[in-house]
């Protein structure tokens, strides 16, 4: 089954219309209770589900006006994951290309690592509109005369995403296309890193040959992150050099609590 997360906004309304003929669609709505009129959104989505003859599930919470974006998102996905588990389905979200650019910008402002440049890659969530721009979505809605709900919080400056969205209005189409190319490149790197790590043994021992790969820095970063070790880029470069050049038996200090033990063909992450 396809559990469509439909808020009532233009993005999710377009996604529902786009998939309206799919017999596996279930419409899921999370009423967060942040806005006084959020119940109206729920009623609107329910009418859409009935119009397309789709099953409708919802949950109402009273998160309150002071609820943060992160808390609201966590509560929403907790609901969606529960529905997906109960129905044996997969979550579908209406994120699009502009959402990717916004997320990259936000993660960059927060001092992201490389993974922050490859957002929205959770394999448990399907995003059928990811190649669409916001302009594509508006065009589709206009062409198909779709009605949707306007969330007034989308224009409020209290939320970081709204402030970033406002600034991105001035980014050129060419720059956005370059950001999306960077996103595709980072997603490919992330996939390759995760594939290699999945093939390695889980005994905390890794082949020194990893340090010779083009993605060595990202591999080492991920290996160390699994041990709760975070290094800067220069520190990672030194770490890679130690793995490549140190004689067997040598140690390389990572932080106060961890070090690398270099063996002939492998290296280990160990605690002091």
C-alpha atoms as a PDB file:
ATOM      1  CA  UNK A   1       0.000   0.000   0.000  1.00  0.00           C
ATOM      2  CA  UNK A   2       1.017   3.612  -0.596  1.00  0.00           C
ATOM      3  CA  UNK A   3       0.517   5.825   2.424  1.00  0.00           C
ATOM      4  CA  UNK A   4       0.254   9.342   1.011  1.00  0.00           C
ATOM      5  CA  UNK A   5       1.056  12.082   3.526  1.00  0.00           C
ATOM      6  CA  UNK A   6      -1.498  14.712   2.534  1.00  0.00           C
ATOM      7  CA  UNK A   7      -1.522  17.982   4.483  1.00  0.00           C
ATOM      8  CA  UNK A   8      -3.954  19.758   2.182  1.00  0.00           C
ATOM      9  CA  UNK A   9      -1.290  22.107   0.818  1.00  0.00           C
ATOM     10  CA  UNK A  10      -0.610  22.417  -2.876  1.00  0.00           C
ATOM     11  CA  UNK A  11       2.303  19.939  -2.957  1.00  0.00           C
ATOM     12  CA  UNK A  12       0.477  17.022  -1.362  1.00  0.00           C
ATOM     13  CA  UNK A  13      -2.788  17.809  -3.193  1.00  0.00           C
ATOM     14  CA  UNK A  14      -0.907  17.596  -6.491  1.00  0.00           C
ATOM     15  CA  UNK A  15       0.707  14.314  -5.417  1.00  0.00           C
ATOM     16  CA  UNK A  16      -2.683  12.844  -4.530  1.00  0.00           C
ATOM     17  CA  UNK A  17      -4.207  13.926  -7.833  1.00  0.00           C
ATOM     18  CA  UNK A  18      -1.182  12.579  -9.714  1.00  0.00           C
ATOM     19  CA  UNK A  19      -1.625   9.153  -8.055  1.00  0.00           C
ATOM     20  CA  UNK A  20      -5.418   9.223  -7.834  1.00  0.00           C
ATOM     21  CA  UNK A  21      -5.879   6.231 -10.139  1.00  0.00           C
ATOM     22  CA  UNK A  22      -3.547   3.979  -8.164  1.00  0.00           C
ATOM     23  CA  UNK A  23      -5.678   1.392  -6.291  1.00  0.00           C
ATOM     24  CA  UNK A  24      -3.059   1.046  -3.516  1.00  0.00           C
ATOM     25  CA  UNK A  25      -3.295   4.661  -2.336  1.00  0.00           C
ATOM     26  CA  UNK A  26      -4.301   5.432   1.252  1.00  0.00           C
ATOM     27  CA  UNK A  27      -4.668   9.092   2.260  1.00  0.00           C
ATOM     28  CA  UNK A  28      -3.063   9.888   5.630  1.00  0.00           C
ATOM     29  CA  UNK A  29      -3.403  13.233   7.388  1.00  0.00           C
ATOM     30  CA  UNK A  30      -1.762  14.411  10.603  1.00  0.00           C
ATOM     31  CA  UNK A  31      -3.598  17.233  12.360  1.00  0.00           C
ATOM     32  CA  UNK A  32      -0.909  18.772  14.554  1.00  0.00           C
ATOM     33  CA  UNK A  33      -3.176  21.256  16.326  1.00  0.00           C
ATOM     34  CA  UNK A  34      -0.605  24.029  15.960  1.00  0.00           C
ATOM     35  CA  UNK A  35      -3.016  26.406  14.215  1.00  0.00           C
ATOM     36  CA  UNK A  36      -6.589  27.141  15.401  1.00  0.00           C
ATOM     37  CA  UNK A  37      -8.021  26.166  12.010  1.00  0.00           C
ATOM     38  CA  UNK A  38      -5.990  22.982  11.508  1.00  0.00           C
ATOM     39  CA  UNK A  39      -9.167  20.898  11.837  1.00  0.00           C
ATOM     40  CA  UNK A  40     -10.388  22.557   8.635  1.00  0.00           C
ATOM     41  CA  UNK A  41      -7.351  21.133   6.826  1.00  0.00           C
ATOM     42  CA  UNK A  42      -8.273  17.665   8.067  1.00  0.00           C
ATOM     43  CA  UNK A  43     -11.858  18.046   6.851  1.00  0.00           C
ATOM     44  CA  UNK A  44     -10.606  19.266   3.467  1.00  0.00           C
ATOM     45  CA  UNK A  45      -8.267  16.273   3.026  1.00  0.00           C
ATOM     46  CA  UNK A  46     -11.036  13.890   4.067  1.00  0.00           C
ATOM     47  CA  UNK A  47     -13.285  15.310   1.333  1.00  0.00           C
ATOM     48  CA  UNK A  48     -10.486  14.825  -1.203  1.00  0.00           C
ATOM     49  CA  UNK A  49     -10.068  11.190  -0.149  1.00  0.00           C
ATOM     50  CA  UNK A  50     -13.796  10.651  -0.560  1.00  0.00           C
ATOM     51  CA  UNK A  51     -13.758  12.378  -3.950  1.00  0.00           C
ATOM     52  CA  UNK A  52     -11.085   9.985  -5.213  1.00  0.00           C
ATOM     53  CA  UNK A  53     -12.648   7.033  -3.369  1.00  0.00           C
ATOM     54  CA  UNK A  54      -9.564   6.418  -1.249  1.00  0.00           C
ATOM     55  CA  UNK A  55      -9.282   5.160   2.357  1.00  0.00           C
ATOM     56  CA  UNK A  56      -8.637   7.995   4.807  1.00  0.00           C
ATOM     57  CA  UNK A  57      -6.746   7.810   8.109  1.00  0.00           C
ATOM     58  CA  UNK A  58      -5.853  10.682  10.409  1.00  0.00           C
ATOM     59  CA  UNK A  59      -4.594  11.574  13.842  1.00  0.00           C
ATOM     60  CA  UNK A  60      -5.262  14.694  15.891  1.00  0.00           C
ATOM     61  CA  UNK A  61      -2.700  16.080  18.340  1.00  0.00           C
ATOM     62  CA  UNK A  62      -2.620  19.282  20.353  1.00  0.00           C
ATOM     63  CA  UNK A  63       1.015  20.291  19.864  1.00  0.00           C
ATOM     64  CA  UNK A  64       0.287  23.975  20.450  1.00  0.00           C
ATOM     65  CA  UNK A  65       1.362  27.198  18.781  1.00  0.00           C
ATOM     66  CA  UNK A  66       4.856  27.077  20.330  1.00  0.00           C
ATOM     67  CA  UNK A  67       5.666  23.698  18.816  1.00  0.00           C
ATOM     68  CA  UNK A  68       8.932  23.626  16.862  1.00  0.00           C
ATOM     69  CA  UNK A  69       9.280  22.388  13.282  1.00  0.00           C
ATOM     70  CA  UNK A  70      11.383  19.452  14.460  1.00  0.00           C
ATOM     71  CA  UNK A  71       8.813  18.362  17.063  1.00  0.00           C
ATOM     72  CA  UNK A  72       5.939  18.627  14.575  1.00  0.00           C
ATOM     73  CA  UNK A  73       7.891  16.644  11.970  1.00  0.00           C
ATOM     74  CA  UNK A  74       8.795  13.958  14.491  1.00  0.00           C
ATOM     75  CA  UNK A  75       5.151  13.580  15.573  1.00  0.00           C
ATOM     76  CA  UNK A  76       3.949  13.469  11.962  1.00  0.00           C
ATOM     77  CA  UNK A  77       6.391  10.757  10.937  1.00  0.00           C
ATOM     78  CA  UNK A  78       5.655   8.750  14.057  1.00  0.00           C
ATOM     79  CA  UNK A  79       2.020   8.681  12.913  1.00  0.00           C
ATOM     80  CA  UNK A  80       2.919   7.914   9.293  1.00  0.00           C
ATOM     81  CA  UNK A  81       5.314   5.122  10.263  1.00  0.00           C
ATOM     82  CA  UNK A  82       2.647   3.554  12.462  1.00  0.00           C
ATOM     83  CA  UNK A  83       0.105   3.631   9.624  1.00  0.00           C
ATOM     84  CA  UNK A  84       2.657   2.200   7.194  1.00  0.00           C
ATOM     85  CA  UNK A  85       3.415  -0.641   9.604  1.00  0.00           C
ATOM     86  CA  UNK A  86      -0.257  -1.382  10.280  1.00  0.00           C
ATOM     87  CA  UNK A  87      -1.184  -1.319   6.585  1.00  0.00           C
ATOM     88  CA  UNK A  88       1.953  -2.995   5.305  1.00  0.00           C
ATOM     89  CA  UNK A  89       2.720   0.001   3.135  1.00  0.00           C
ATOM     90  CA  UNK A  90       5.287   2.677   2.401  1.00  0.00           C
ATOM     91  CA  UNK A  91       5.160   6.393   3.120  1.00  0.00           C
ATOM     92  CA  UNK A  92       4.815   8.768   0.160  1.00  0.00           C
ATOM     93  CA  UNK A  93       5.757  12.430   0.682  1.00  0.00           C
ATOM     94  CA  UNK A  94       5.297  15.371  -1.687  1.00  0.00           C
ATOM     95  CA  UNK A  95       8.787  16.866  -1.460  1.00  0.00           C
ATOM     96  CA  UNK A  96      10.059  18.462  -4.658  1.00  0.00           C
ATOM     97  CA  UNK A  97      13.281  19.877  -6.113  1.00  0.00           C
ATOM     98  CA  UNK A  98      12.923  23.244  -4.376  1.00  0.00           C
ATOM     99  CA  UNK A  99      12.589  21.429  -1.043  1.00  0.00           C
ATOM    100  CA  UNK A 100      15.941  19.776  -1.706  1.00  0.00           C
ATOM    101  CA  UNK A 101      17.589  23.138  -2.325  1.00  0.00           C
ATOM    102  CA  UNK A 102      16.015  24.590   0.822  1.00  0.00           C
ATOM    103  CA  UNK A 103      17.225  21.645   2.905  1.00  0.00           C
ATOM    104  CA  UNK A 104      20.772  21.939   1.535  1.00  0.00           C
ATOM    105  CA  UNK A 105      20.762  25.661   2.357  1.00  0.00           C
ATOM    106  CA  UNK A 106      19.473  25.041   5.894  1.00  0.00           C
ATOM    107  CA  UNK A 107      21.973  22.246   6.518  1.00  0.00           C
ATOM    108  CA  UNK A 108      24.784  24.456   5.229  1.00  0.00           C
ATOM    109  CA  UNK A 109      23.757  27.240   7.611  1.00  0.00           C
ATOM    110  CA  UNK A 110      23.880  24.718  10.440  1.00  0.00           C
ATOM    111  CA  UNK A 111      27.409  23.640   9.500  1.00  0.00           C
ATOM    112  CA  UNK A 112      26.537  20.383   7.782  1.00  0.00           C
ATOM    113  CA  UNK A 113      28.864  17.572   6.929  1.00  0.00           C
ATOM    114  CA  UNK A 114      28.724  15.922   3.516  1.00  0.00           C
ATOM    115  CA  UNK A 115      25.533  14.021   4.341  1.00  0.00           C
ATOM    116  CA  UNK A 116      23.737  17.329   4.777  1.00  0.00           C
ATOM    117  CA  UNK A 117      24.252  17.902   1.056  1.00  0.00           C
ATOM    118  CA  UNK A 118      22.297  14.741   0.289  1.00  0.00           C
ATOM    119  CA  UNK A 119      19.003  15.209   2.174  1.00  0.00           C
ATOM    120  CA  UNK A 120      15.780  13.301   1.588  1.00  0.00           C
ATOM    121  CA  UNK A 121      17.395   9.980   0.765  1.00  0.00           C
ATOM    122  CA  UNK A 122      15.607   7.871   3.372  1.00  0.00           C
ATOM    123  CA  UNK A 123      14.709   4.653   1.509  1.00  0.00           C
ATOM    124  CA  UNK A 124      11.619   4.252   3.708  1.00  0.00           C
ATOM    125  CA  UNK A 125      10.006   7.343   2.171  1.00  0.00           C
ATOM    126  CA  UNK A 126       9.046   7.559  -1.514  1.00  0.00           C
ATOM    127  CA  UNK A 127       9.035  11.047  -3.037  1.00  0.00           C
ATOM    128  CA  UNK A 128       7.387  10.870  -6.478  1.00  0.00           C
ATOM    129  CA  UNK A 129       7.639  14.635  -7.109  1.00  0.00           C
ATOM    130  CA  UNK A 130      11.333  14.998  -6.359  1.00  0.00           C
ATOM    131  CA  UNK A 131      12.157  15.900  -9.965  1.00  0.00           C
ATOM    132  CA  UNK A 132       9.416  18.564 -10.058  1.00  0.00           C
ATOM    133  CA  UNK A 133      10.063  22.226  -9.297  1.00  0.00           C
ATOM    134  CA  UNK A 134       7.607  24.379  -7.361  1.00  0.00           C
ATOM    135  CA  UNK A 135       6.736  26.038 -10.667  1.00  0.00           C
ATOM    136  CA  UNK A 136       5.880  22.614 -12.135  1.00  0.00           C
ATOM    137  CA  UNK A 137       3.573  21.964  -9.190  1.00  0.00           C
ATOM    138  CA  UNK A 138       1.764  25.282  -9.567  1.00  0.00           C
ATOM    139  CA  UNK A 139       1.395  24.666 -13.308  1.00  0.00           C
ATOM    140  CA  UNK A 140      -0.068  21.193 -12.677  1.00  0.00           C
ATOM    141  CA  UNK A 141      -2.493  22.521 -10.064  1.00  0.00           C
ATOM    142  CA  UNK A 142      -3.653  25.314 -12.364  1.00  0.00           C
ATOM    143  CA  UNK A 143      -4.006  23.034 -15.370  1.00  0.00           C
ATOM    144  CA  UNK A 144      -6.112  20.561 -13.372  1.00  0.00           C
ATOM    145  CA  UNK A 145      -8.030  23.248 -11.444  1.00  0.00           C
ATOM    146  CA  UNK A 146      -7.033  21.848  -8.081  1.00  0.00           C
ATOM    147  CA  UNK A 147      -8.085  23.480  -4.828  1.00  0.00           C
ATOM    148  CA  UNK A 148      -5.750  23.407  -1.846  1.00  0.00           C
ATOM    149  CA  UNK A 149      -5.290  24.845   1.610  1.00  0.00           C
ATOM    150  CA  UNK A 150      -2.921  27.700   2.396  1.00  0.00           C
ATOM    151  CA  UNK A 151      -0.846  27.288   5.575  1.00  0.00           C
ATOM    152  CA  UNK A 152      -0.326  30.779   6.981  1.00  0.00           C
ATOM    153  CA  UNK A 153       2.748  29.605   8.913  1.00  0.00           C
ATOM    154  CA  UNK A 154       4.534  29.184   5.566  1.00  0.00           C
ATOM    155  CA  UNK A 155       4.935  32.964   5.420  1.00  0.00           C
ATOM    156  CA  UNK A 156       5.902  33.545   9.045  1.00  0.00           C
ATOM    157  CA  UNK A 157       9.524  34.528   9.719  1.00  0.00           C
ATOM    158  CA  UNK A 158       9.645  32.533  12.956  1.00  0.00           C
ATOM    159  CA  UNK A 159      10.592  29.399  11.021  1.00  0.00           C
ATOM    160  CA  UNK A 160      14.083  29.035   9.560  1.00  0.00           C
ATOM    161  CA  UNK A 161      12.799  27.229   6.469  1.00  0.00           C
ATOM    162  CA  UNK A 162      10.494  30.149   5.648  1.00  0.00           C
ATOM    163  CA  UNK A 163      13.350  32.650   5.955  1.00  0.00           C
ATOM    164  CA  UNK A 164      15.566  30.492   3.758  1.00  0.00           C
ATOM    165  CA  UNK A 165      12.762  30.056   1.219  1.00  0.00           C
ATOM    166  CA  UNK A 166      12.365  33.816   0.998  1.00  0.00           C
ATOM    167  CA  UNK A 167      16.087  34.290   0.326  1.00  0.00           C
ATOM    168  CA  UNK A 168      16.148  31.526  -2.286  1.00  0.00           C
ATOM    169  CA  UNK A 169      13.639  33.481  -4.353  1.00  0.00           C
ATOM    170  CA  UNK A 170      16.625  35.513  -5.548  1.00  0.00           C
ATOM    171  CA  UNK A 171      18.745  32.512  -6.557  1.00  0.00           C
ATOM    172  CA  UNK A 172      18.979  32.105 -10.330  1.00  0.00           C
ATOM    173  CA  UNK A 173      17.676  29.069 -12.162  1.00  0.00           C
ATOM    174  CA  UNK A 174      21.240  28.224 -13.236  1.00  0.00           C
ATOM    175  CA  UNK A 175      22.486  28.249  -9.647  1.00  0.00           C
ATOM    176  CA  UNK A 176      19.593  26.033  -8.577  1.00  0.00           C
ATOM    177  CA  UNK A 177      20.398  23.577 -11.352  1.00  0.00           C
ATOM    178  CA  UNK A 178      24.027  23.459 -10.171  1.00  0.00           C
ATOM    179  CA  UNK A 179      22.862  22.777  -6.611  1.00  0.00           C
ATOM    180  CA  UNK A 180      20.699  19.908  -7.843  1.00  0.00           C
ATOM    181  CA  UNK A 181      23.675  18.464  -9.730  1.00  0.00           C
ATOM    182  CA  UNK A 182      25.685  18.672  -6.498  1.00  0.00           C
ATOM    183  CA  UNK A 183      22.816  16.917  -4.738  1.00  0.00           C
ATOM    184  CA  UNK A 184      22.833  14.082  -7.281  1.00  0.00           C
ATOM    185  CA  UNK A 185      26.612  13.727  -6.909  1.00  0.00           C
ATOM    186  CA  UNK A 186      26.399  13.639  -3.102  1.00  0.00           C
ATOM    187  CA  UNK A 187      23.563  11.092  -3.220  1.00  0.00           C
ATOM    188  CA  UNK A 188      25.729   8.860  -5.407  1.00  0.00           C
ATOM    189  CA  UNK A 189      28.644   9.209  -2.959  1.00  0.00           C
ATOM    190  CA  UNK A 190      26.369   8.463  -0.008  1.00  0.00           C
ATOM    191  CA  UNK A 191      25.009   5.371  -1.727  1.00  0.00           C
ATOM    192  CA  UNK A 192      28.516   4.125  -2.550  1.00  0.00           C
ATOM    193  CA  UNK A 193      29.747   4.744   1.010  1.00  0.00           C
ATOM    194  CA  UNK A 194      26.797   2.898   2.539  1.00  0.00           C
ATOM    195  CA  UNK A 195      27.173   0.005   0.092  1.00  0.00           C
ATOM    196  CA  UNK A 196      30.869  -0.448   0.923  1.00  0.00           C
ATOM    197  CA  UNK A 197      30.290  -0.187   4.671  1.00  0.00           C
ATOM    198  CA  UNK A 198      27.493  -2.764   4.475  1.00  0.00           C
ATOM    199  CA  UNK A 199      29.898  -5.234   2.873  1.00  0.00           C
ATOM    200  CA  UNK A 200      32.574  -4.812   5.549  1.00  0.00           C
ATOM    201  CA  UNK A 201      32.831  -6.971   8.635  1.00  0.00           C
ATOM    202  CA  UNK A 202      31.239  -5.701  11.840  1.00  0.00           C
ATOM    203  CA  UNK A 203      34.172  -6.504  14.135  1.00  0.00           C
ATOM    204  CA  UNK A 204      35.501  -2.937  14.088  1.00  0.00           C
ATOM    205  CA  UNK A 205      38.330  -3.937  11.731  1.00  0.00           C
ATOM    206  CA  UNK A 206      38.618  -2.263   8.307  1.00  0.00           C
ATOM    207  CA  UNK A 207      41.004  -2.805   5.374  1.00  0.00           C
ATOM    208  CA  UNK A 208      43.720  -0.168   4.966  1.00  0.00           C
ATOM    209  CA  UNK A 209      43.042  -0.221   1.216  1.00  0.00           C
ATOM    210  CA  UNK A 210      39.985   1.951   1.905  1.00  0.00           C
ATOM    211  CA  UNK A 211      42.330   4.918   2.301  1.00  0.00           C
ATOM    212  CA  UNK A 212      43.236   4.709  -1.411  1.00  0.00           C
ATOM    213  CA  UNK A 213      39.661   5.078  -2.689  1.00  0.00           C
ATOM    214  CA  UNK A 214      38.361   8.359  -4.117  1.00  0.00           C
ATOM    215  CA  UNK A 215      35.713   8.426  -1.392  1.00  0.00           C
ATOM    216  CA  UNK A 216      38.180   7.480   1.376  1.00  0.00           C
ATOM    217  CA  UNK A 217      37.540  10.617   3.440  1.00  0.00           C
ATOM    218  CA  UNK A 218      33.783  10.028   3.490  1.00  0.00           C
ATOM    219  CA  UNK A 219      34.236   6.352   4.305  1.00  0.00           C
ATOM    220  CA  UNK A 220      36.523   7.164   7.228  1.00  0.00           C
ATOM    221  CA  UNK A 221      34.149   9.874   8.408  1.00  0.00           C
ATOM    222  CA  UNK A 222      31.271   7.357   8.452  1.00  0.00           C
ATOM    223  CA  UNK A 223      33.330   4.660  10.191  1.00  0.00           C
ATOM    224  CA  UNK A 224      34.361   7.085  12.922  1.00  0.00           C
ATOM    225  CA  UNK A 225      30.838   8.496  13.259  1.00  0.00           C
ATOM    226  CA  UNK A 226      29.642   4.996  14.121  1.00  0.00           C
ATOM    227  CA  UNK A 227      32.040   5.189  17.073  1.00  0.00           C
ATOM    228  CA  UNK A 228      30.819   8.688  18.020  1.00  0.00           C
ATOM    229  CA  UNK A 229      34.070  10.229  16.810  1.00  0.00           C
ATOM    230  CA  UNK A 230      33.780  13.489  14.878  1.00  0.00           C
ATOM    231  CA  UNK A 231      36.798  15.029  13.168  1.00  0.00           C
ATOM    232  CA  UNK A 232      37.346  18.143  11.092  1.00  0.00           C
ATOM    233  CA  UNK A 233      38.335  17.829   7.435  1.00  0.00           C
ATOM    234  CA  UNK A 234      42.079  18.438   8.163  1.00  0.00           C
ATOM    235  CA  UNK A 235      41.927  15.846  10.957  1.00  0.00           C
ATOM    236  CA  UNK A 236      40.292  13.374   8.586  1.00  0.00           C
ATOM    237  CA  UNK A 237      43.029  14.002   6.027  1.00  0.00           C
ATOM    238  CA  UNK A 238      45.666  13.250   8.680  1.00  0.00           C
ATOM    239  CA  UNK A 239      43.752  10.157   9.708  1.00  0.00           C
ATOM    240  CA  UNK A 240      43.667   8.932   6.108  1.00  0.00           C
ATOM    241  CA  UNK A 241      47.410   9.536   5.798  1.00  0.00           C
ATOM    242  CA  UNK A 242      48.061   7.553   8.987  1.00  0.00           C
ATOM    243  CA  UNK A 243      46.002   4.609   7.720  1.00  0.00           C
ATOM    244  CA  UNK A 244      47.923   4.671   4.461  1.00  0.00           C
ATOM    245  CA  UNK A 245      51.464   5.231   5.781  1.00  0.00           C
ATOM    246  CA  UNK A 246      51.817   4.121   9.422  1.00  0.00           C
ATOM    247  CA  UNK A 247      53.769   0.930  10.157  1.00  0.00           C
ATOM    248  CA  UNK A 248      51.900  -2.002  11.746  1.00  0.00           C
ATOM    249  CA  UNK A 249      51.527  -1.591  15.484  1.00  0.00           C
ATOM    250  CA  UNK A 250      51.476   2.206  15.390  1.00  0.00           C
ATOM    251  CA  UNK A 251      48.651   4.176  16.944  1.00  0.00           C
ATOM    252  CA  UNK A 252      46.975   7.351  15.722  1.00  0.00           C
ATOM    253  CA  UNK A 253      45.104   9.444  18.286  1.00  0.00           C
ATOM    254  CA  UNK A 254      41.576  10.484  17.222  1.00  0.00           C
ATOM    255  CA  UNK A 255      40.330  12.247  20.336  1.00  0.00           C
ATOM    256  CA  UNK A 256      40.634  11.909  24.105  1.00  0.00           C
ATOM    257  CA  UNK A 257      38.807   8.579  24.110  1.00  0.00           C
ATOM    258  CA  UNK A 258      39.656   6.874  20.814  1.00  0.00           C
ATOM    259  CA  UNK A 259      42.606   5.928  18.641  1.00  0.00           C
ATOM    260  CA  UNK A 260      43.352   3.968  15.501  1.00  0.00           C
ATOM    261  CA  UNK A 261      45.438   0.829  15.793  1.00  0.00           C
ATOM    262  CA  UNK A 262      47.229   0.175  12.524  1.00  0.00           C
ATOM    263  CA  UNK A 263      47.736  -3.448  11.516  1.00  0.00           C
ATOM    264  CA  UNK A 264      49.475  -4.856   8.450  1.00  0.00           C
ATOM    265  CA  UNK A 265      46.399  -4.964   6.243  1.00  0.00           C
ATOM    266  CA  UNK A 266      43.736  -3.369   8.412  1.00  0.00           C
ATOM    267  CA  UNK A 267      43.015  -0.757  11.074  1.00  0.00           C
ATOM    268  CA  UNK A 268      40.821  -0.748  14.154  1.00  0.00           C
ATOM    269  CA  UNK A 269      39.011   1.968  16.058  1.00  0.00           C
ATOM    270  CA  UNK A 270      39.616   1.410  19.760  1.00  0.00           C
ATOM    271  CA  UNK A 271      38.955   3.215  23.024  1.00  0.00           C
ATOM    272  CA  UNK A 272      41.774   4.519  25.207  1.00  0.00           C
END
